[in-house]
């Protein structure tokens, strides 16, 4: 089986674009909207750069601008919808996780550190651990 390539640092938990956090998803939405804005206004941006650098170029045709704006709208709408859906999914997933812990042994206000770290429940039914030669 082929090994999967690990995620980049900025997408790992705690990273800038951590998609398992609400903040990372909001930054993802902002990046998609910024990219869509740049693509939508690319003809004006290129004209501005040409004027600043003193270059001369032919203006873009209407069909080129329409195609560019089509892809910008796909990027913008798709990024917003997927980011918003992921935020809703995270909210639902966290709510389910909180519900699943209700009524468990560790869901008690009187829980002490000794109760939390006690190993009594891990003992085999015979009263001694496997491989333990003491008591024979």
C-alpha atoms as a PDB file:
ATOM      1  CA  UNK A   1       0.000   0.000   0.000  1.00  0.00           C
ATOM      2  CA  UNK A   2       1.291   3.425  -0.915  1.00  0.00           C
ATOM      3  CA  UNK A   3       2.074   5.775   1.971  1.00  0.00           C
ATOM      4  CA  UNK A   4       0.186   9.011   1.982  1.00  0.00           C
ATOM      5  CA  UNK A   5       2.122  12.214   1.930  1.00  0.00           C
ATOM      6  CA  UNK A   6       1.825  14.037   5.276  1.00  0.00           C
ATOM      7  CA  UNK A   7      -0.022  17.326   5.486  1.00  0.00           C
ATOM      8  CA  UNK A   8       1.981  20.544   5.373  1.00  0.00           C
ATOM      9  CA  UNK A   9       2.759  22.185   8.733  1.00  0.00           C
ATOM     10  CA  UNK A  10       0.197  24.922   8.280  1.00  0.00           C
ATOM     11  CA  UNK A  11      -2.604  22.318   7.908  1.00  0.00           C
ATOM     12  CA  UNK A  12      -1.632  20.187  10.913  1.00  0.00           C
ATOM     13  CA  UNK A  13      -3.538  20.619  14.179  1.00  0.00           C
ATOM     14  CA  UNK A  14      -2.782  24.069  15.513  1.00  0.00           C
ATOM     15  CA  UNK A  15      -1.572  25.313  12.132  1.00  0.00           C
ATOM     16  CA  UNK A  16      -2.801  28.411  10.338  1.00  0.00           C
ATOM     17  CA  UNK A  17      -5.159  26.475   8.016  1.00  0.00           C
ATOM     18  CA  UNK A  18      -6.129  23.721  10.465  1.00  0.00           C
ATOM     19  CA  UNK A  19      -9.409  22.569   8.940  1.00  0.00           C
ATOM     20  CA  UNK A  20     -10.413  20.800  12.151  1.00  0.00           C
ATOM     21  CA  UNK A  21     -10.880  24.183  13.831  1.00  0.00           C
ATOM     22  CA  UNK A  22     -13.393  26.944  13.239  1.00  0.00           C
ATOM     23  CA  UNK A  23     -10.625  29.558  12.959  1.00  0.00           C
ATOM     24  CA  UNK A  24      -8.808  27.585  10.275  1.00  0.00           C
ATOM     25  CA  UNK A  25     -12.025  27.256   8.269  1.00  0.00           C
ATOM     26  CA  UNK A  26     -12.737  30.982   8.544  1.00  0.00           C
ATOM     27  CA  UNK A  27      -9.214  31.727   7.296  1.00  0.00           C
ATOM     28  CA  UNK A  28      -9.872  29.277   4.440  1.00  0.00           C
ATOM     29  CA  UNK A  29     -13.076  31.147   3.526  1.00  0.00           C
ATOM     30  CA  UNK A  30     -11.241  34.489   3.630  1.00  0.00           C
ATOM     31  CA  UNK A  31      -8.454  33.116   1.413  1.00  0.00           C
ATOM     32  CA  UNK A  32     -10.983  31.790  -1.127  1.00  0.00           C
ATOM     33  CA  UNK A  33     -12.797  35.135  -1.220  1.00  0.00           C
ATOM     34  CA  UNK A  34      -9.496  37.001  -1.618  1.00  0.00           C
ATOM     35  CA  UNK A  35      -8.469  34.688  -4.468  1.00  0.00           C
ATOM     36  CA  UNK A  36     -11.863  35.112  -6.136  1.00  0.00           C
ATOM     37  CA  UNK A  37     -11.559  38.893  -5.803  1.00  0.00           C
ATOM     38  CA  UNK A  38      -8.106  38.854  -7.423  1.00  0.00           C
ATOM     39  CA  UNK A  39      -9.259  36.637 -10.286  1.00  0.00           C
ATOM     40  CA  UNK A  40     -12.461  38.674 -10.781  1.00  0.00           C
ATOM     41  CA  UNK A  41     -10.502  41.939 -11.066  1.00  0.00           C
ATOM     42  CA  UNK A  42      -7.428  40.506 -12.822  1.00  0.00           C
ATOM     43  CA  UNK A  43      -7.904  42.668 -15.910  1.00  0.00           C
ATOM     44  CA  UNK A  44      -7.835  45.851 -13.797  1.00  0.00           C
ATOM     45  CA  UNK A  45      -4.877  44.580 -11.755  1.00  0.00           C
ATOM     46  CA  UNK A  46      -2.894  43.748 -14.903  1.00  0.00           C
ATOM     47  CA  UNK A  47      -3.728  47.146 -16.407  1.00  0.00           C
ATOM     48  CA  UNK A  48      -2.556  48.850 -13.218  1.00  0.00           C
ATOM     49  CA  UNK A  49       0.711  46.865 -13.217  1.00  0.00           C
ATOM     50  CA  UNK A  50       1.265  47.724 -16.902  1.00  0.00           C
ATOM     51  CA  UNK A  51       0.796  51.441 -16.161  1.00  0.00           C
ATOM     52  CA  UNK A  52       3.152  51.340 -13.154  1.00  0.00           C
ATOM     53  CA  UNK A  53       5.882  49.456 -15.011  1.00  0.00           C
ATOM     54  CA  UNK A  54       5.380  51.423 -18.217  1.00  0.00           C
ATOM     55  CA  UNK A  55       4.519  48.358 -20.302  1.00  0.00           C
ATOM     56  CA  UNK A  56       2.084  48.321 -23.145  1.00  0.00           C
ATOM     57  CA  UNK A  57      -0.254  45.395 -23.628  1.00  0.00           C
ATOM     58  CA  UNK A  58      -3.495  44.676 -25.403  1.00  0.00           C
ATOM     59  CA  UNK A  59      -6.611  44.877 -23.256  1.00  0.00           C
ATOM     60  CA  UNK A  60      -8.446  41.649 -22.474  1.00  0.00           C
ATOM     61  CA  UNK A  61     -11.465  40.780 -24.575  1.00  0.00           C
ATOM     62  CA  UNK A  62     -14.927  40.573 -23.031  1.00  0.00           C
ATOM     63  CA  UNK A  63     -14.990  36.794 -23.472  1.00  0.00           C
ATOM     64  CA  UNK A  64     -11.692  36.423 -21.579  1.00  0.00           C
ATOM     65  CA  UNK A  65     -13.011  38.595 -18.763  1.00  0.00           C
ATOM     66  CA  UNK A  66     -16.259  36.576 -18.641  1.00  0.00           C
ATOM     67  CA  UNK A  67     -14.376  33.270 -18.432  1.00  0.00           C
ATOM     68  CA  UNK A  68     -12.114  34.655 -15.713  1.00  0.00           C
ATOM     69  CA  UNK A  69     -15.114  35.874 -13.713  1.00  0.00           C
ATOM     70  CA  UNK A  70     -16.838  32.509 -14.155  1.00  0.00           C
ATOM     71  CA  UNK A  71     -13.892  30.718 -12.531  1.00  0.00           C
ATOM     72  CA  UNK A  72     -13.651  33.383  -9.834  1.00  0.00           C
ATOM     73  CA  UNK A  73     -17.296  32.878  -8.921  1.00  0.00           C
ATOM     74  CA  UNK A  74     -16.790  29.097  -8.782  1.00  0.00           C
ATOM     75  CA  UNK A  75     -13.805  29.571  -6.467  1.00  0.00           C
ATOM     76  CA  UNK A  76     -15.603  32.080  -4.264  1.00  0.00           C
ATOM     77  CA  UNK A  77     -18.935  30.276  -3.963  1.00  0.00           C
ATOM     78  CA  UNK A  78     -17.333  26.850  -3.649  1.00  0.00           C
ATOM     79  CA  UNK A  79     -14.887  28.026  -1.000  1.00  0.00           C
ATOM     80  CA  UNK A  80     -17.560  29.754   1.050  1.00  0.00           C
ATOM     81  CA  UNK A  81     -19.967  26.808   0.852  1.00  0.00           C
ATOM     82  CA  UNK A  82     -17.366  24.175   1.740  1.00  0.00           C
ATOM     83  CA  UNK A  83     -15.922  26.283   4.547  1.00  0.00           C
ATOM     84  CA  UNK A  84     -19.352  27.053   5.993  1.00  0.00           C
ATOM     85  CA  UNK A  85     -20.398  23.382   5.688  1.00  0.00           C
ATOM     86  CA  UNK A  86     -17.228  22.325   7.503  1.00  0.00           C
ATOM     87  CA  UNK A  87     -17.916  24.821  10.329  1.00  0.00           C
ATOM     88  CA  UNK A  88     -21.460  23.427  10.685  1.00  0.00           C
ATOM     89  CA  UNK A  89     -20.101  19.882  10.629  1.00  0.00           C
ATOM     90  CA  UNK A  90     -17.569  20.756  13.359  1.00  0.00           C
ATOM     91  CA  UNK A  91     -20.340  22.240  15.482  1.00  0.00           C
ATOM     92  CA  UNK A  92     -22.489  19.122  15.040  1.00  0.00           C
ATOM     93  CA  UNK A  93     -19.546  16.761  15.680  1.00  0.00           C
ATOM     94  CA  UNK A  94     -18.550  18.561  18.880  1.00  0.00           C
ATOM     95  CA  UNK A  95     -22.158  18.594  20.079  1.00  0.00           C
ATOM     96  CA  UNK A  96     -22.365  14.834  19.494  1.00  0.00           C
ATOM     97  CA  UNK A  97     -19.105  14.301  21.375  1.00  0.00           C
ATOM     98  CA  UNK A  98     -20.427  16.252  24.361  1.00  0.00           C
ATOM     99  CA  UNK A  99     -23.688  14.260  24.288  1.00  0.00           C
ATOM    100  CA  UNK A 100     -21.831  10.953  24.160  1.00  0.00           C
ATOM    101  CA  UNK A 101     -19.933  11.719  27.368  1.00  0.00           C
ATOM    102  CA  UNK A 102     -23.043  12.500  29.420  1.00  0.00           C
ATOM    103  CA  UNK A 103     -23.671   9.880  32.083  1.00  0.00           C
ATOM    104  CA  UNK A 104     -20.269   8.246  31.755  1.00  0.00           C
ATOM    105  CA  UNK A 105     -18.203   7.374  34.815  1.00  0.00           C
ATOM    106  CA  UNK A 106     -15.978  10.415  34.310  1.00  0.00           C
ATOM    107  CA  UNK A 107     -18.954  12.811  33.987  1.00  0.00           C
ATOM    108  CA  UNK A 108     -19.129  13.620  37.684  1.00  0.00           C
ATOM    109  CA  UNK A 109     -18.521  16.822  39.611  1.00  0.00           C
ATOM    110  CA  UNK A 110     -17.057  14.758  42.474  1.00  0.00           C
ATOM    111  CA  UNK A 111     -14.410  13.117  40.249  1.00  0.00           C
ATOM    112  CA  UNK A 112     -10.999  13.236  41.908  1.00  0.00           C
ATOM    113  CA  UNK A 113      -7.566  12.849  40.392  1.00  0.00           C
ATOM    114  CA  UNK A 114      -7.209   9.430  42.064  1.00  0.00           C
ATOM    115  CA  UNK A 115     -10.474   8.250  40.484  1.00  0.00           C
ATOM    116  CA  UNK A 116      -9.370   9.446  37.084  1.00  0.00           C
ATOM    117  CA  UNK A 117      -5.947   7.764  37.159  1.00  0.00           C
ATOM    118  CA  UNK A 118      -6.886   4.592  39.095  1.00  0.00           C
ATOM    119  CA  UNK A 119      -6.072   1.278  37.405  1.00  0.00           C
ATOM    120  CA  UNK A 120      -8.623  -0.822  39.295  1.00  0.00           C
ATOM    121  CA  UNK A 121     -10.837  -1.376  36.271  1.00  0.00           C
ATOM    122  CA  UNK A 122      -7.968  -2.781  34.188  1.00  0.00           C
ATOM    123  CA  UNK A 123      -7.287  -5.770  36.465  1.00  0.00           C
ATOM    124  CA  UNK A 124      -8.120  -9.259  35.114  1.00  0.00           C
ATOM    125  CA  UNK A 125     -10.903 -11.096  36.928  1.00  0.00           C
ATOM    126  CA  UNK A 126      -8.423 -13.469  38.670  1.00  0.00           C
ATOM    127  CA  UNK A 127      -7.043 -10.561  40.708  1.00  0.00           C
ATOM    128  CA  UNK A 128      -3.505 -10.613  39.333  1.00  0.00           C
ATOM    129  CA  UNK A 129      -1.951  -9.351  36.162  1.00  0.00           C
ATOM    130  CA  UNK A 130      -0.878 -11.658  33.366  1.00  0.00           C
ATOM    131  CA  UNK A 131       2.723 -12.749  33.702  1.00  0.00           C
ATOM    132  CA  UNK A 132       2.796 -11.825  37.389  1.00  0.00           C
ATOM    133  CA  UNK A 133       4.690 -14.559  39.266  1.00  0.00           C
ATOM    134  CA  UNK A 134       4.069 -13.078  42.730  1.00  0.00           C
ATOM    135  CA  UNK A 135       1.605 -14.896  44.969  1.00  0.00           C
ATOM    136  CA  UNK A 136       2.300 -18.401  43.612  1.00  0.00           C
END
